[in-house]
């Protein structure tokens, strides 16, 4: 490999790592901004944790 192609490969690798890190940070931020009830329940029929009896009806 020439020096130019090594630099290009290193730049491509660094860009890929930063892209994956940025995507993970974005996902964590989206999960952090969700309400607790939405993030802790995977079913569509879940009730809110702070719900009252009128919600159950």
N, C-alpha and C. Protein backbone atom coordinates (compact mmCIF):
# COMPACT_ATOMS: atom_id res chain seq x y z
N UNK A 1 0.85 -1.19 0.00
CA UNK A 1 0.00 0.00 0.00
C UNK A 1 0.88 1.24 0.00
N UNK A 2 0.44 2.20 -0.71
CA UNK A 2 1.18 3.46 -0.70
C UNK A 2 0.71 4.29 0.48
N UNK A 3 1.45 5.32 0.73
CA UNK A 3 1.12 6.20 1.86
C UNK A 3 -0.24 6.85 1.66
N UNK A 4 -0.54 7.23 0.42
CA UNK A 4 -1.81 7.89 0.14
C UNK A 4 -2.99 6.94 0.40
N UNK A 5 -2.88 5.69 -0.02
CA UNK A 5 -3.98 4.75 0.20
C UNK A 5 -4.10 4.37 1.68
N UNK A 6 -3.00 4.35 2.42
CA UNK A 6 -3.08 4.10 3.87
C UNK A 6 -3.81 5.22 4.58
N UNK A 7 -3.51 6.46 4.19
CA UNK A 7 -4.19 7.61 4.80
C UNK A 7 -5.68 7.57 4.47
N UNK A 8 -6.00 7.20 3.25
CA UNK A 8 -7.41 7.13 2.85
C UNK A 8 -8.13 6.03 3.63
N UNK A 9 -7.49 4.88 3.80
CA UNK A 9 -8.10 3.78 4.56
C UNK A 9 -8.28 4.17 6.02
N UNK A 10 -7.30 4.85 6.59
CA UNK A 10 -7.41 5.28 7.99
C UNK A 10 -8.53 6.29 8.15
N UNK A 11 -8.65 7.21 7.22
CA UNK A 11 -9.72 8.21 7.27
C UNK A 11 -11.08 7.55 7.14
N UNK A 12 -11.19 6.57 6.27
CA UNK A 12 -12.44 5.85 6.10
C UNK A 12 -12.81 5.07 7.37
N UNK A 13 -11.84 4.45 7.99
CA UNK A 13 -12.09 3.70 9.23
C UNK A 13 -12.52 4.63 10.36
N UNK A 14 -11.86 5.76 10.49
CA UNK A 14 -12.21 6.73 11.54
C UNK A 14 -13.61 7.28 11.30
N UNK A 15 -13.95 7.56 10.04
CA UNK A 15 -15.28 8.06 9.72
C UNK A 15 -16.35 7.02 10.04
N UNK A 16 -16.07 5.75 9.75
CA UNK A 16 -17.03 4.69 10.06
C UNK A 16 -17.24 4.55 11.56
N UNK A 17 -16.17 4.60 12.33
CA UNK A 17 -16.28 4.49 13.79
C UNK A 17 -17.07 5.67 14.36
N UNK A 18 -16.79 6.87 13.87
CA UNK A 18 -17.53 8.04 14.35
C UNK A 18 -19.00 7.97 13.95
N UNK A 19 -19.30 7.43 12.79
CA UNK A 19 -20.69 7.27 12.36
C UNK A 19 -21.45 6.31 13.26
N UNK A 20 -20.83 5.19 13.59
CA UNK A 20 -21.48 4.22 14.48
C UNK A 20 -21.66 4.81 15.88
N UNK A 21 -20.66 5.52 16.37
CA UNK A 21 -20.76 6.16 17.68
C UNK A 21 -21.87 7.22 17.69
N UNK A 22 -21.95 8.01 16.63
CA UNK A 22 -22.99 9.03 16.55
C UNK A 22 -24.38 8.43 16.50
N UNK A 23 -24.55 7.34 15.76
CA UNK A 23 -25.85 6.68 15.69
C UNK A 23 -26.25 6.11 17.05
N UNK A 24 -25.30 5.54 17.77
CA UNK A 24 -25.59 5.01 19.11
C UNK A 24 -25.95 6.12 20.08
N UNK A 25 -25.23 7.23 20.00
CA UNK A 25 -25.53 8.36 20.89
C UNK A 25 -26.91 8.94 20.58
N UNK A 26 -27.28 8.96 19.31
CA UNK A 26 -28.60 9.45 18.91
C UNK A 26 -29.70 8.54 19.46
N UNK A 27 -29.50 7.22 19.38
CA UNK A 27 -30.49 6.28 19.90
C UNK A 27 -30.63 6.41 21.42
N UNK A 28 -29.53 6.58 22.11
CA UNK A 28 -29.57 6.74 23.56
C UNK A 28 -30.32 8.01 23.93
N UNK A 29 -30.10 9.07 23.18
CA UNK A 29 -30.79 10.33 23.46
C UNK A 29 -32.29 10.19 23.21
N UNK A 30 -32.68 9.47 22.16
CA UNK A 30 -34.11 9.26 21.92
C UNK A 30 -34.74 8.44 23.04
N UNK A 31 -34.05 7.41 23.51
CA UNK A 31 -34.58 6.61 24.61
C UNK A 31 -34.63 7.40 25.90
N UNK A 32 -33.67 8.27 26.11
CA UNK A 32 -33.65 9.08 27.34
C UNK A 32 -34.81 10.06 27.37
N UNK A 33 -35.24 10.54 26.22
CA UNK A 33 -36.31 11.54 26.18
C UNK A 33 -37.70 10.91 26.23
N UNK A 34 -37.80 9.58 26.08
CA UNK A 34 -39.10 8.92 26.15
C UNK A 34 -39.60 8.90 27.59
N UNK A 35 -40.91 8.95 27.78
CA UNK A 35 -41.44 8.76 29.12
C UNK A 35 -41.13 7.35 29.62
N UNK A 36 -41.07 7.19 30.92
CA UNK A 36 -40.70 5.90 31.50
C UNK A 36 -41.69 4.80 31.11
N UNK A 37 -42.98 5.11 31.10
CA UNK A 37 -43.99 4.09 30.80
C UNK A 37 -43.84 3.59 29.37
N UNK A 38 -43.48 4.46 28.44
CA UNK A 38 -43.34 4.04 27.05
C UNK A 38 -42.08 3.21 26.85
N UNK A 39 -41.04 3.50 27.60
CA UNK A 39 -39.80 2.77 27.40
C UNK A 39 -39.76 1.45 28.16
N UNK A 40 -40.61 1.28 29.18
CA UNK A 40 -40.55 0.06 29.98
C UNK A 40 -41.57 -0.98 29.54
N UNK A 41 -42.45 -0.65 28.63
CA UNK A 41 -43.52 -1.55 28.22
C UNK A 41 -43.40 -1.85 26.73
N UNK A 42 -43.36 -3.13 26.38
CA UNK A 42 -43.23 -3.48 24.97
C UNK A 42 -44.56 -3.90 24.36
N UNK A 43 -45.60 -4.01 25.15
CA UNK A 43 -46.91 -4.43 24.65
C UNK A 43 -47.78 -3.21 24.38
N UNK A 44 -48.68 -3.34 23.43
CA UNK A 44 -49.58 -2.23 23.09
C UNK A 44 -50.69 -2.06 24.12
N UNK A 45 -50.88 -3.04 25.00
CA UNK A 45 -51.97 -3.00 25.97
C UNK A 45 -51.52 -2.64 27.37
N UNK A 46 -50.39 -2.03 27.52
CA UNK A 46 -49.88 -1.69 28.84
C UNK A 46 -50.58 -0.46 29.40
N UNK A 47 -50.73 -0.45 30.69
CA UNK A 47 -51.29 0.70 31.39
C UNK A 47 -50.16 1.55 31.93
N UNK A 48 -50.37 2.85 32.02
CA UNK A 48 -49.34 3.70 32.62
C UNK A 48 -49.12 3.32 34.08
N UNK A 49 -47.91 3.46 34.57
CA UNK A 49 -47.59 3.10 35.95
C UNK A 49 -48.26 4.04 36.94
N UNK A 50 -48.49 5.28 36.55
CA UNK A 50 -49.10 6.26 37.45
C UNK A 50 -50.59 6.43 37.13
N UNK A 51 -51.21 5.43 36.49
CA UNK A 51 -52.60 5.54 36.08
C UNK A 51 -53.56 5.44 37.25
N UNK A 52 -54.76 5.96 37.04
CA UNK A 52 -55.80 5.86 38.06
C UNK A 52 -56.76 4.75 37.66
N UNK A 53 -57.78 4.51 38.48
CA UNK A 53 -58.75 3.46 38.16
C UNK A 53 -59.58 3.79 36.93
N UNK A 54 -59.76 5.06 36.61
CA UNK A 54 -60.53 5.42 35.42
C UNK A 54 -59.80 5.01 34.15
N UNK A 55 -58.51 4.86 34.21
CA UNK A 55 -57.74 4.43 33.04
C UNK A 55 -57.99 2.95 32.76
N UNK A 56 -58.26 2.17 33.81
CA UNK A 56 -58.46 0.73 33.66
C UNK A 56 -59.74 0.42 32.90
N UNK A 57 -60.76 1.27 33.04
CA UNK A 57 -62.05 1.01 32.38
C UNK A 57 -61.89 0.99 30.94
